[in-house]
Amino acid sequence: MIKPIKGKISVIKLENSKTTASGLILTSGVADVDRAKVISIADDVEDIKVGDELLIDWVHTSKTSIDGQDLYIINEKDVVGIFED
């Protein structure tokens, strides 16, 4: 596990669902929205908590692999939104 510092967040990408809960099949444009799940955060990050699902501007991410799982380190400012239930 990596503990991010100075406004950083570690996330994993979530698989995109091509079908809604009600069974509707999503077109490629709608289904291609990348969600990321927060794994850990720096101590100074506000408004985001572990387990949140985020919409991210992926341009400034750093990718690494730990125990065979891809992990991305992002800046707090690159979070576009938090998905709500």
Protein backbone atom coordinates (compact mmCIF):
# COMPACT_ATOMS: atom_id res chain seq x y z
CA MET A 1 0.00 0.00 0.00
CA ILE A 2 1.16 3.54 -0.75
CA LYS A 3 0.40 6.44 1.59
CA PRO A 4 0.03 9.54 -0.63
CA ILE A 5 1.41 12.88 0.56
CA LYS A 6 0.83 16.59 -0.22
CA GLY A 7 -2.67 16.63 -1.71
CA LYS A 8 -2.39 13.29 -3.50
CA ILE A 9 -4.93 10.46 -3.71
CA SER A 10 -4.37 6.83 -4.70
CA VAL A 11 -7.12 5.18 -6.73
CA ILE A 12 -7.89 2.10 -8.77
CA LYS A 13 -9.90 2.22 -11.99
CA LEU A 14 -13.26 0.50 -11.83
CA GLU A 15 -14.66 -1.61 -14.64
CA ASN A 16 -17.21 0.24 -16.73
CA SER A 17 -20.66 -1.29 -16.73
CA LYS A 18 -22.24 -1.63 -20.18
CA THR A 19 -25.67 -2.37 -18.69
CA THR A 20 -27.69 -0.42 -16.12
CA ALA A 21 -29.32 -2.02 -13.09
CA SER A 22 -32.65 -2.00 -14.97
CA GLY A 23 -31.10 -3.83 -17.95
CA LEU A 24 -30.62 -0.94 -20.39
CA ILE A 25 -27.57 -1.35 -22.60
CA LEU A 26 -25.40 1.78 -22.62
CA THR A 27 -23.87 3.15 -25.80
CA SER A 28 -20.11 3.52 -25.97
CA GLY A 29 -20.11 7.24 -25.15
CA VAL A 30 -22.07 6.77 -21.94
CA ALA A 31 -20.39 3.55 -20.83
CA ASP A 32 -16.87 4.89 -21.35
CA VAL A 33 -16.92 7.19 -18.30
CA ASP A 34 -14.00 6.06 -16.16
CA ARG A 35 -14.72 5.71 -12.48
CA ALA A 36 -12.00 5.38 -9.91
CA LYS A 37 -12.26 4.14 -6.33
CA VAL A 38 -10.23 5.87 -3.61
CA ILE A 39 -7.78 3.53 -1.86
CA SER A 40 -5.90 6.04 0.30
CA ILE A 41 -5.49 9.81 0.70
CA ALA A 42 -2.92 12.26 1.99
CA ASP A 43 -3.59 13.79 5.40
CA ASP A 44 -4.30 17.23 3.89
CA VAL A 45 -6.99 16.09 1.39
CA GLU A 46 -10.47 17.44 2.15
CA ASP A 47 -13.95 16.44 0.93
CA ILE A 48 -12.76 13.02 -0.32
CA LYS A 49 -12.64 9.82 1.69
CA VAL A 50 -11.46 6.26 1.19
CA GLY A 51 -14.08 4.29 -0.76
CA ASP A 52 -15.44 7.28 -2.72
CA GLU A 53 -15.95 6.80 -6.46
CA LEU A 54 -14.53 9.68 -8.46
CA LEU A 55 -14.62 11.17 -11.93
CA ILE A 56 -11.04 12.21 -12.70
CA ASP A 57 -9.11 14.24 -15.25
CA TRP A 58 -6.57 11.49 -16.05
CA VAL A 59 -4.00 13.76 -17.77
CA HIS A 60 -1.71 14.23 -14.74
CA THR A 61 -1.86 10.77 -13.15
CA SER A 62 1.06 8.58 -12.17
CA LYS A 63 0.58 4.83 -12.63
CA THR A 64 2.27 2.08 -10.67
CA SER A 65 1.57 -1.58 -10.01
CA ILE A 66 1.52 -3.13 -6.54
CA ASP A 67 0.94 -6.86 -6.07
CA GLY A 68 -0.25 -7.08 -9.68
CA GLN A 69 -2.88 -4.35 -9.33
CA ASP A 70 -2.64 -1.07 -11.23
CA LEU A 71 -2.71 1.90 -8.87
CA TYR A 72 -2.95 5.54 -9.90
CA ILE A 73 -1.75 8.55 -7.92
CA ILE A 74 -3.67 11.73 -8.69
CA ASN A 75 -3.72 15.33 -7.47
CA GLU A 76 -6.74 16.43 -5.47
CA LYS A 77 -7.25 19.27 -8.00
CA ASP A 78 -7.71 16.67 -10.81
CA VAL A 79 -10.89 15.29 -9.22
CA VAL A 80 -13.78 16.45 -11.39
CA GLY A 81 -16.55 15.02 -9.23
CA ILE A 82 -17.64 12.46 -6.65
CA PHE A 83 -20.33 9.97 -7.71
CA GLU A 84 -23.27 9.83 -5.29
CA ASP A 85 -25.47 6.81 -4.68
